Structures are given as structure tokens and as C-alpha cells.
């Protein structure tokens, strides 16, 4: 059964007593990333049930939103380094 984008939720749980966080997700991109990271770091990231992984709490990060000034500075750094955004084809998805 395929879930709608609305139903593809992610739940991150952790507490102060443990050093790991539980990440439960139905987001296909996040599942792919967690599977890749599990292969690269098997001692730190491991499965804990269907669609659930245990990760170090340090992997859970909440950042402040980008200001326009910060976004412009990052854009300039990328341009100076020769980094260009990927070209989007006619069949690409946009929201």
C-alpha cells in the first residue's frame, strides 16, 4: 500500500537518559538515507523495527531558519566555488 505524502510521517523520539534517538519514518528519501548511513556506520546507526532506526542523538539537529542575508552569502560562496544547482528536466516534479 502506498501512502500519500501527508501520511509519510516521521517521528523522532529520545530522552535525556539515553544516547540514542529512535527515528520512525515512512519518508522514502529518509529511509534510503538511513539505510545508507547504517551501512557506513553500523556501530552507530542500526535498525530497530520496521521503518525504525536507532541513531546517535547528535544526528538530530534543529537549526535556526536561514535569513535572506545568510541565504545570499551561501549563494555567493557556491557561485565562487563553481557549484551550480542541478538542471530540472521537463518531467521533474515541482510542488
PDB file of N, CA and C in Angstrom:
ATOM      1  N   UNK A   1       0.845  -1.180   0.000  1.00  0.00           N
ATOM      2  CA  UNK A   1       0.000   0.000   0.000  1.00  0.00           C
ATOM      3  C   UNK A   1       0.886   1.237   0.000  1.00  0.00           C
ATOM      4  N   UNK A   2       0.620   2.130  -0.914  1.00  0.00           N
ATOM      5  CA  UNK A   2       1.388   3.369  -0.992  1.00  0.00           C
ATOM      6  C   UNK A   2       0.686   4.451  -0.174  1.00  0.00           C
ATOM      7  N   UNK A   3       1.474   5.151   0.624  1.00  0.00           N
ATOM      8  CA  UNK A   3       0.930   6.206   1.466  1.00  0.00           C
ATOM      9  C   UNK A   3       0.973   7.545   0.740  1.00  0.00           C
ATOM     10  N   UNK A   4       0.006   8.402   1.055  1.00  0.00           N
ATOM     11  CA  UNK A   4       0.031   9.750   0.493  1.00  0.00           C
ATOM     12  C   UNK A   4       1.191  10.509   1.131  1.00  0.00           C
ATOM     13  N   UNK A   5       1.582  11.614   0.521  1.00  0.00           N
ATOM     14  CA  UNK A   5       2.675  12.424   1.083  1.00  0.00           C
ATOM     15  C   UNK A   5       2.316  12.876   2.496  1.00  0.00           C
ATOM     16  N   UNK A   6       1.058  13.159   2.741  1.00  0.00           N
ATOM     17  CA  UNK A   6       0.602  13.573   4.069  1.00  0.00           C
ATOM     18  C   UNK A   6       0.823  12.454   5.090  1.00  0.00           C
ATOM     19  N   UNK A   7       0.637  11.215   4.671  1.00  0.00           N
ATOM     20  CA  UNK A   7       0.772  10.070   5.571  1.00  0.00           C
ATOM     21  C   UNK A   7       2.221   9.621   5.773  1.00  0.00           C
ATOM     22  N   UNK A   8       3.147  10.148   4.988  1.00  0.00           N
ATOM     23  CA  UNK A   8       4.547   9.751   5.097  1.00  0.00           C
ATOM     24  C   UNK A   8       5.217  10.536   6.230  1.00  0.00           C
ATOM     25  N   UNK A   9       4.770  10.257   7.448  1.00  0.00           N
ATOM     26  CA  UNK A   9       5.249  10.999   8.602  1.00  0.00           C
ATOM     27  C   UNK A   9       6.575  10.460   9.128  1.00  0.00           C
ATOM     28  N   UNK A  10       7.231  11.285   9.915  1.00  0.00           N
ATOM     29  CA  UNK A  10       8.463  10.909  10.594  1.00  0.00           C
ATOM     30  C   UNK A  10       8.312  11.289  12.053  1.00  0.00           C
ATOM     31  N   UNK A  11       8.660  10.354  12.939  1.00  0.00           N
ATOM     32  CA  UNK A  11       8.588  10.593  14.376  1.00  0.00           C
ATOM     33  C   UNK A  11       9.966  10.329  14.960  1.00  0.00           C
ATOM     34  N   UNK A  12      10.504  11.310  15.666  1.00  0.00           N
ATOM     35  CA  UNK A  12      11.810  11.178  16.311  1.00  0.00           C
ATOM     36  C   UNK A  12      11.587  11.246  17.815  1.00  0.00           C
ATOM     37  N   UNK A  13      12.020  10.200  18.510  1.00  0.00           N
ATOM     38  CA  UNK A  13      11.847  10.130  19.962  1.00  0.00           C
ATOM     39  C   UNK A  13      13.199   9.963  20.633  1.00  0.00           C
ATOM     40  N   UNK A  14      13.423  10.715  21.702  1.00  0.00           N
ATOM     41  CA  UNK A  14      14.603  10.490  22.527  1.00  0.00           C
ATOM     42  C   UNK A  14      14.334  11.034  23.916  1.00  0.00           C
ATOM     43  N   UNK A  15      15.170  10.615  24.850  1.00  0.00           N
ATOM     44  CA  UNK A  15      15.033  11.107  26.217  1.00  0.00           C
ATOM     45  C   UNK A  15      16.412  11.482  26.748  1.00  0.00           C
ATOM     46  N   UNK A  16      16.456  12.081  27.903  1.00  0.00           N
ATOM     47  CA  UNK A  16      17.713  12.553  28.465  1.00  0.00           C
ATOM     48  C   UNK A  16      18.593  11.420  28.990  1.00  0.00           C
ATOM     49  N   UNK A  17      18.025  10.263  29.285  1.00  0.00           N
ATOM     50  CA  UNK A  17      18.784   9.167  29.877  1.00  0.00           C
ATOM     51  C   UNK A  17      19.594   8.365  28.862  1.00  0.00           C
ATOM     52  N   UNK A  18      19.147   8.345  27.602  1.00  0.00           N
ATOM     53  CA  UNK A  18      19.814   7.515  26.599  1.00  0.00           C
ATOM     54  C   UNK A  18      20.570   8.378  25.593  1.00  0.00           C
ATOM     55  N   UNK A  19      21.574   7.774  24.960  1.00  0.00           N
ATOM     56  CA  UNK A  19      22.398   8.490  23.991  1.00  0.00           C
ATOM     57  C   UNK A  19      21.895   8.332  22.554  1.00  0.00           C
ATOM     58  N   UNK A  20      20.812   7.576  22.371  1.00  0.00           N
ATOM     59  CA  UNK A  20      20.284   7.358  21.029  1.00  0.00           C
ATOM     60  C   UNK A  20      18.875   7.926  20.891  1.00  0.00           C
ATOM     61  N   UNK A  21      18.508   8.177  19.643  1.00  0.00           N
ATOM     62  CA  UNK A  21      17.158   8.613  19.298  1.00  0.00           C
ATOM     63  C   UNK A  21      16.558   7.551  18.390  1.00  0.00           C
ATOM     64  N   UNK A  22      15.266   7.361  18.498  1.00  0.00           N
ATOM     65  CA  UNK A  22      14.542   6.437  17.637  1.00  0.00           C
ATOM     66  C   UNK A  22      13.891   7.249  16.527  1.00  0.00           C
ATOM     67  N   UNK A  23      14.161   6.853  15.282  1.00  0.00           N
ATOM     68  CA  UNK A  23      13.594   7.558  14.123  1.00  0.00           C
ATOM     69  C   UNK A  23      12.670   6.583  13.400  1.00  0.00           C
ATOM     70  N   UNK A  24      11.378   6.875  13.431  1.00  0.00           N
ATOM     71  CA  UNK A  24      10.365   6.082  12.734  1.00  0.00           C
ATOM     72  C   UNK A  24       9.877   6.923  11.566  1.00  0.00           C
ATOM     73  N   UNK A  25       9.947   6.381  10.360  1.00  0.00           N
ATOM     74  CA  UNK A  25       9.554   7.177   9.205  1.00  0.00           C
ATOM     75  C   UNK A  25       8.966   6.333   8.087  1.00  0.00           C
ATOM     76  N   UNK A  26       8.138   6.980   7.299  1.00  0.00           N
ATOM     77  CA  UNK A  26       7.640   6.404   6.048  1.00  0.00           C
ATOM     78  C   UNK A  26       8.085   7.260   4.870  1.00  0.00           C
ATOM     79  N   UNK A  27       8.972   8.227   5.126  1.00  0.00           N
ATOM     80  CA  UNK A  27       9.509   9.096   4.084  1.00  0.00           C
ATOM     81  C   UNK A  27      10.535   8.298   3.275  1.00  0.00           C
ATOM     82  N   UNK A  28      10.265   8.028   1.993  1.00  0.00           N
ATOM     83  CA  UNK A  28      11.177   7.191   1.197  1.00  0.00           C
ATOM     84  C   UNK A  28      12.608   7.731   1.129  1.00  0.00           C
ATOM     85  N   UNK A  29      12.758   9.044   1.008  1.00  0.00           N
ATOM     86  CA  UNK A  29      14.109   9.619   0.941  1.00  0.00           C
ATOM     87  C   UNK A  29      14.860   9.420   2.256  1.00  0.00           C
ATOM     88  N   UNK A  30      14.178   9.632   3.364  1.00  0.00           N
ATOM     89  CA  UNK A  30      14.822   9.463   4.663  1.00  0.00           C
ATOM     90  C   UNK A  30      15.146   7.993   4.924  1.00  0.00           C
ATOM     91  N   UNK A  31      14.259   7.082   4.527  1.00  0.00           N
ATOM     92  CA  UNK A  31      14.537   5.653   4.680  1.00  0.00           C
ATOM     93  C   UNK A  31      15.784   5.259   3.896  1.00  0.00           C
ATOM     94  N   UNK A  32      15.905   5.777   2.672  1.00  0.00           N
ATOM     95  CA  UNK A  32      17.071   5.485   1.843  1.00  0.00           C
ATOM     96  C   UNK A  32      18.345   6.032   2.502  1.00  0.00           C
ATOM     97  N   UNK A  33      18.252   7.240   3.037  1.00  0.00           N
ATOM     98  CA  UNK A  33      19.411   7.857   3.683  1.00  0.00           C
ATOM     99  C   UNK A  33      19.807   7.088   4.938  1.00  0.00           C
ATOM    100  N   UNK A  34      18.832   6.697   5.741  1.00  0.00           N
ATOM    101  CA  UNK A  34      19.133   5.932   6.952  1.00  0.00           C
ATOM    102  C   UNK A  34      19.750   4.576   6.614  1.00  0.00           C
ATOM    103  N   UNK A  35      19.271   3.923   5.567  1.00  0.00           N
ATOM    104  CA  UNK A  35      19.846   2.634   5.147  1.00  0.00           C
ATOM    105  C   UNK A  35      21.291   2.820   4.694  1.00  0.00           C
ATOM    106  N   UNK A  36      21.558   3.905   3.965  1.00  0.00           N
ATOM    107  CA  UNK A  36      22.929   4.182   3.521  1.00  0.00           C
ATOM    108  C   UNK A  36      23.843   4.462   4.718  1.00  0.00           C
ATOM    109  N   UNK A  37      23.363   5.289   5.636  1.00  0.00           N
ATOM    110  CA  UNK A  37      24.163   5.614   6.809  1.00  0.00           C
ATOM    111  C   UNK A  37      24.403   4.391   7.692  1.00  0.00           C
ATOM    112  N   UNK A  38      23.416   3.499   7.752  1.00  0.00           N
ATOM    113  CA  UNK A  38      23.569   2.275   8.537  1.00  0.00           C
ATOM    114  C   UNK A  38      24.706   1.422   7.978  1.00  0.00           C
ATOM    115  N   UNK A  39      24.842   1.379   6.647  1.00  0.00           N
ATOM    116  CA  UNK A  39      25.925   0.614   6.034  1.00  0.00           C
ATOM    117  C   UNK A  39      27.278   1.269   6.303  1.00  0.00           C
ATOM    118  N   UNK A  40      27.310   2.604   6.304  1.00  0.00           N
ATOM    119  CA  UNK A  40      28.554   3.328   6.534  1.00  0.00           C
ATOM    120  C   UNK A  40      28.950   3.351   8.011  1.00  0.00           C
ATOM    121  N   UNK A  41      27.974   3.364   8.895  1.00  0.00           N
ATOM    122  CA  UNK A  41      28.232   3.478  10.334  1.00  0.00           C
ATOM    123  C   UNK A  41      27.438   2.419  11.109  1.00  0.00           C
ATOM    124  N   UNK A  42      27.731   1.137  10.887  1.00  0.00           N
ATOM    125  CA  UNK A  42      26.919   0.081  11.505  1.00  0.00           C
ATOM    126  C   UNK A  42      26.990   0.044  13.037  1.00  0.00           C
ATOM    127  N   UNK A  43      28.036   0.578  13.624  1.00  0.00           N
ATOM    128  CA  UNK A  43      28.127   0.593  15.083  1.00  0.00           C
ATOM    129  C   UNK A  43      27.274   1.689  15.712  1.00  0.00           C
ATOM    130  N   UNK A  44      26.928   2.700  14.917  1.00  0.00           N
ATOM    131  CA  UNK A  44      26.197   3.840  15.464  1.00  0.00           C
ATOM    132  C   UNK A  44      24.742   3.910  15.018  1.00  0.00           C
ATOM    133  N   UNK A  45      24.456   3.454  13.813  1.00  0.00           N
ATOM    134  CA  UNK A  45      23.094   3.525  13.285  1.00  0.00           C
ATOM    135  C   UNK A  45      22.640   2.110  12.983  1.00  0.00           C
ATOM    136  N   UNK A  46      21.521   1.714  13.598  1.00  0.00           N
ATOM    137  CA  UNK A  46      21.065   0.334  13.410  1.00  0.00           C
ATOM    138  C   UNK A  46      19.538   0.278  13.356  1.00  0.00           C
ATOM    139  N   UNK A  47      19.026  -0.743  12.685  1.00  0.00           N
ATOM    140  CA  UNK A  47      17.566  -0.874  12.597  1.00  0.00           C
ATOM    141  C   UNK A  47      16.988  -1.253  13.956  1.00  0.00           C
ATOM    142  N   UNK A  48      15.742  -0.848  14.176  1.00  0.00           N
ATOM    143  CA  UNK A  48      15.071  -1.148  15.444  1.00  0.00           C
ATOM    144  C   UNK A  48      13.605  -1.485  15.203  1.00  0.00           C
ATOM    145  N   UNK A  49      13.340  -2.128  14.083  1.00  0.00           N
ATOM    146  CA  UNK A  49      11.972  -2.494  13.741  1.00  0.00           C
ATOM    147  C   UNK A  49      11.639  -1.982  12.357  1.00  0.00           C
ATOM    148  N   UNK A  50      10.440  -2.286  11.892  1.00  0.00           N
ATOM    149  CA  UNK A  50      10.038  -1.819  10.567  1.00  0.00           C
ATOM    150  C   UNK A  50      10.036  -0.291  10.495  1.00  0.00           C
ATOM    151  N   UNK A  51      10.750   0.240   9.529  1.00  0.00           N
ATOM    152  CA  UNK A  51      10.812   1.686   9.281  1.00  0.00           C
ATOM    153  C   UNK A  51      11.347   2.474  10.478  1.00  0.00           C
ATOM    154  N   UNK A  52      12.098   1.804  11.367  1.00  0.00           N
ATOM    155  CA  UNK A  52      12.624   2.453  12.568  1.00  0.00           C
ATOM    156  C   UNK A  52      14.115   2.201  12.689  1.00  0.00           C
ATOM    157  N   UNK A  53      14.855   3.260  13.004  1.00  0.00           N
ATOM    158  CA  UNK A  53      16.297   3.164  13.197  1.00  0.00           C
ATOM    159  C   UNK A  53      16.671   3.840  14.513  1.00  0.00           C
ATOM    160  N   UNK A  54      17.717   3.333  15.146  1.00  0.00           N
ATOM    161  CA  UNK A  54      18.314   3.998  16.296  1.00  0.00           C
ATOM    162  C   UNK A  54      19.531   4.752  15.796  1.00  0.00           C
ATOM    163  N   UNK A  55      19.604   6.031  16.146  1.00  0.00           N
ATOM    164  CA  UNK A  55      20.715   6.877  15.709  1.00  0.00           C
ATOM    165  C   UNK A  55      21.253   7.625  16.930  1.00  0.00           C
ATOM    166  N   UNK A  56      22.520   8.052  16.901  1.00  0.00           N
ATOM    167  CA  UNK A  56      23.019   8.885  17.996  1.00  0.00           C
ATOM    168  C   UNK A  56      22.205  10.178  18.082  1.00  0.00           C
ATOM    169  N   UNK A  57      21.956  10.641  19.298  1.00  0.00           N
ATOM    170  CA  UNK A  57      21.173  11.871  19.450  1.00  0.00           C
ATOM    171  C   UNK A  57      21.827  13.047  18.744  1.00  0.00           C
ATOM    172  N   UNK A  58      23.140  12.998  18.575  1.00  0.00           N
ATOM    173  CA  UNK A  58      23.833  14.070  17.875  1.00  0.00           C
ATOM    174  C   UNK A  58      23.423  14.192  16.418  1.00  0.00           C
ATOM    175  N   UNK A  59      22.807  13.164  15.873  1.00  0.00           N
ATOM    176  CA  UNK A  59      22.324  13.220  14.489  1.00  0.00           C
ATOM    177  C   UNK A  59      21.052  14.046  14.370  1.00  0.00           C
ATOM    178  N   UNK A  60      20.361  14.257  15.481  1.00  0.00           N
ATOM    179  CA  UNK A  60      19.126  15.035  15.480  1.00  0.00           C
ATOM    180  C   UNK A  60      19.512  16.496  15.675  1.00  0.00           C
ATOM    181  N   UNK A  61      19.168  17.325  14.720  1.00  0.00           N
ATOM    182  CA  UNK A  61      19.607  18.704  14.733  1.00  0.00           C
ATOM    183  C   UNK A  61      18.451  19.635  14.392  1.00  0.00           C
ATOM    184  N   UNK A  62      18.305  20.664  15.178  1.00  0.00           N
ATOM    185  CA  UNK A  62      17.327  21.701  14.879  1.00  0.00           C
ATOM    186  C   UNK A  62      18.100  22.992  14.738  1.00  0.00           C
ATOM    187  N   UNK A  63      17.973  23.599  13.556  1.00  0.00           N
ATOM    188  CA  UNK A  63      18.715  24.821  13.271  1.00  0.00           C
ATOM    189  C   UNK A  63      17.762  26.002  13.185  1.00  0.00           C
ATOM    190  N   UNK A  64      18.342  27.184  13.326  1.00  0.00           N
ATOM    191  CA  UNK A  64      17.539  28.381  13.115  1.00  0.00           C
ATOM    192  C   UNK A  64      17.297  28.529  11.618  1.00  0.00           C
ATOM    193  N   UNK A  65      16.185  29.139  11.240  1.00  0.00           N
ATOM    194  CA  UNK A  65      15.901  29.322   9.814  1.00  0.00           C
ATOM    195  C   UNK A  65      16.943  30.219   9.153  1.00  0.00           C
ATOM    196  N   UNK A  66      17.150  30.002   7.866  1.00  0.00           N
ATOM    197  CA  UNK A  66      18.066  30.849   7.106  1.00  0.00           C
ATOM    198  C   UNK A  66      17.452  32.233   6.936  1.00  0.00           C
ATOM    199  N   UNK A  67      18.223  33.259   7.219  1.00  0.00           N
ATOM    200  CA  UNK A  67      17.798  34.614   6.922  1.00  0.00           C
ATOM    201  C   UNK A  67      18.131  34.875   5.452  1.00  0.00           C
ATOM    202  N   UNK A  68      17.551  35.906   4.891  1.00  0.00           N
ATOM    203  CA  UNK A  68      17.861  36.244   3.492  1.00  0.00           C
ATOM    204  C   UNK A  68      19.339  36.593   3.342  1.00  0.00           C
ATOM    205  N   UNK A  69      19.903  37.235   4.361  1.00  0.00           N
ATOM    206  CA  UNK A  69      21.321  37.597   4.329  1.00  0.00           C
ATOM    207  C   UNK A  69      22.189  36.329   4.306  1.00  0.00           C
ATOM    208  N   UNK A  70      21.841  35.368   5.155  1.00  0.00           N
ATOM    209  CA  UNK A  70      22.607  34.116   5.198  1.00  0.00           C
ATOM    210  C   UNK A  70      22.457  33.344   3.888  1.00  0.00           C
ATOM    211  N   UNK A  71      21.238  33.313   3.345  1.00  0.00           N
ATOM    212  CA  UNK A  71      20.981  32.618   2.088  1.00  0.00           C
ATOM    213  C   UNK A  71      21.784  33.243   0.942  1.00  0.00           C
ATOM    214  N   UNK A  72      21.831  34.581   0.903  1.00  0.00           N
ATOM    215  CA  UNK A  72      22.580  35.276  -0.147  1.00  0.00           C
ATOM    216  C   UNK A  72      24.081  34.994  -0.016  1.00  0.00           C
ATOM    217  N   UNK A  73      24.586  34.964   1.214  1.00  0.00           N
ATOM    218  CA  UNK A  73      26.009  34.681   1.431  1.00  0.00           C
ATOM    219  C   UNK A  73      26.340  33.257   0.989  1.00  0.00           C
ATOM    220  N   UNK A  74      25.469  32.295   1.295  1.00  0.00           N
ATOM    221  CA  UNK A  74      25.690  30.914   0.877  1.00  0.00           C
ATOM    222  C   UNK A  74      25.652  30.806  -0.647  1.00  0.00           C
ATOM    223  N   UNK A  75      24.755  31.536  -1.274  1.00  0.00           N
ATOM    224  CA  UNK A  75      24.662  31.539  -2.734  1.00  0.00           C
ATOM    225  C   UNK A  75      25.944  32.087  -3.350  1.00  0.00           C
ATOM    226  N   UNK A  76      26.460  33.152  -2.790  1.00  0.00           N
ATOM    227  CA  UNK A  76      27.703  33.740  -3.310  1.00  0.00           C
ATOM    228  C   UNK A  76      28.881  32.781  -3.142  1.00  0.00           C
ATOM    229  N   UNK A  77      28.954  32.111  -1.999  1.00  0.00           N
ATOM    230  CA  UNK A  77      30.033  31.131  -1.783  1.00  0.00           C
ATOM    231  C   UNK A  77      29.936  29.997  -2.800  1.00  0.00           C
ATOM    232  N   UNK A  78      28.724  29.532  -3.063  1.00  0.00           N
ATOM    233  CA  UNK A  78      28.531  28.451  -4.032  1.00  0.00           C
ATOM    234  C   UNK A  78      28.927  28.905  -5.431  1.00  0.00           C
ATOM    235  N   UNK A  79      28.535  30.121  -5.804  1.00  0.00           N
ATOM    236  CA  UNK A  79      28.899  30.647  -7.126  1.00  0.00           C
ATOM    237  C   UNK A  79      30.410  30.776  -7.258  1.00  0.00           C
ATOM    238  N   UNK A  80      31.070  31.264  -6.201  1.00  0.00           N
ATOM    239  CA  UNK A  80      32.522  31.424  -6.226  1.00  0.00           C
ATOM    240  C   UNK A  80      33.226  30.072  -6.349  1.00  0.00           C
ATOM    241  N   UNK A  81      32.618  29.033  -5.771  1.00  0.00           N
ATOM    242  CA  UNK A  81      33.199  27.688  -5.829  1.00  0.00           C
ATOM    243  C   UNK A  81      32.818  26.960  -7.119  1.00  0.00           C
ATOM    244  N   UNK A  82      31.974  27.578  -7.940  1.00  0.00           N
ATOM    245  CA  UNK A  82      31.564  26.951  -9.197  1.00  0.00           C
ATOM    246  C   UNK A  82      30.470  25.910  -9.039  1.00  0.00           C
ATOM    247  N   UNK A  83      29.753  25.956  -7.934  1.00  0.00           N
ATOM    248  CA  UNK A  83      28.673  24.995  -7.691  1.00  0.00           C
ATOM    249  C   UNK A  83      27.394  25.545  -8.297  1.00  0.00           C
ATOM    250  N   UNK A  84      26.768  24.753  -9.131  1.00  0.00           N
ATOM    251  CA  UNK A  84      25.522  25.147  -9.783  1.00  0.00           C
ATOM    252  C   UNK A  84      24.413  24.182  -9.380  1.00  0.00           C
ATOM    253  N   UNK A  85      23.186  24.683  -9.263  1.00  0.00           N
ATOM    254  CA  UNK A  85      22.079  23.784  -8.950  1.00  0.00           C
ATOM    255  C   UNK A  85      21.846  22.816 -10.104  1.00  0.00           C
ATOM    256  N   UNK A  86      21.314  21.636  -9.803  1.00  0.00           N
ATOM    257  CA  UNK A  86      21.042  20.680 -10.885  1.00  0.00           C
ATOM    258  C   UNK A  86      19.984  21.229 -11.827  1.00  0.00           C
ATOM    259  N   UNK A  87      20.122  20.893 -13.099  1.00  0.00           N
ATOM    260  CA  UNK A  87      19.130  21.325 -14.084  1.00  0.00           C
ATOM    261  C   UNK A  87      17.904  20.458 -13.943  1.00  0.00           C
ATOM    262  N   UNK A  88      16.764  21.089 -13.958  1.00  0.00           N
ATOM    263  CA  UNK A  88      15.499  20.365 -13.832  1.00  0.00           C
ATOM    264  C   UNK A  88      14.950  20.104 -15.210  1.00  0.00           C
ATOM    265  N   UNK A  89      14.609  18.844 -15.455  1.00  0.00           N
ATOM    266  CA  UNK A  89      14.045  18.468 -16.743  1.00  0.00           C
ATOM    267  C   UNK A  89      12.584  18.794 -16.820  1.00  0.00           C
ATOM    268  N   UNK A  90      12.023  18.621 -18.024  1.00  0.00           N
ATOM    269  CA  UNK A  90      10.598  18.912 -18.242  1.00  0.00           C
ATOM    270  C   UNK A  90       9.723  17.979 -17.442  1.00  0.00           C
ATOM    271  N   UNK A  91      10.231  16.774 -17.115  1.00  0.00           N
ATOM    272  CA  UNK A  91       9.429  15.807 -16.387  1.00  0.00           C
ATOM    273  C   UNK A  91       9.646  15.831 -14.895  1.00  0.00           C
ATOM    274  N   UNK A  92      10.355  16.829 -14.372  1.00  0.00           N
ATOM    275  CA  UNK A  92      10.644  16.853 -12.936  1.00  0.00           C
ATOM    276  C   UNK A  92       9.396  17.266 -12.164  1.00  0.00           C
ATOM    277  N   UNK A  93       9.347  16.819 -10.916  1.00  0.00           N
ATOM    278  CA  UNK A  93       8.222  17.150 -10.049  1.00  0.00           C
ATOM    279  C   UNK A  93       8.485  18.460  -9.346  1.00  0.00           C
ATOM    280  N   UNK A  94       7.487  19.283  -9.288  1.00  0.00           N
ATOM    281  CA  UNK A  94       7.576  20.520  -8.516  1.00  0.00           C
ATOM    282  C   UNK A  94       6.321  20.632  -7.671  1.00  0.00           C
ATOM    283  N   UNK A  95       6.473  21.299  -6.541  1.00  0.00           N
ATOM    284  CA  UNK A  95       5.311  21.478  -5.674  1.00  0.00           C
ATOM    285  C   UNK A  95       5.082  22.916  -5.400  1.00  0.00           C
TER     286      UNK A  95
END
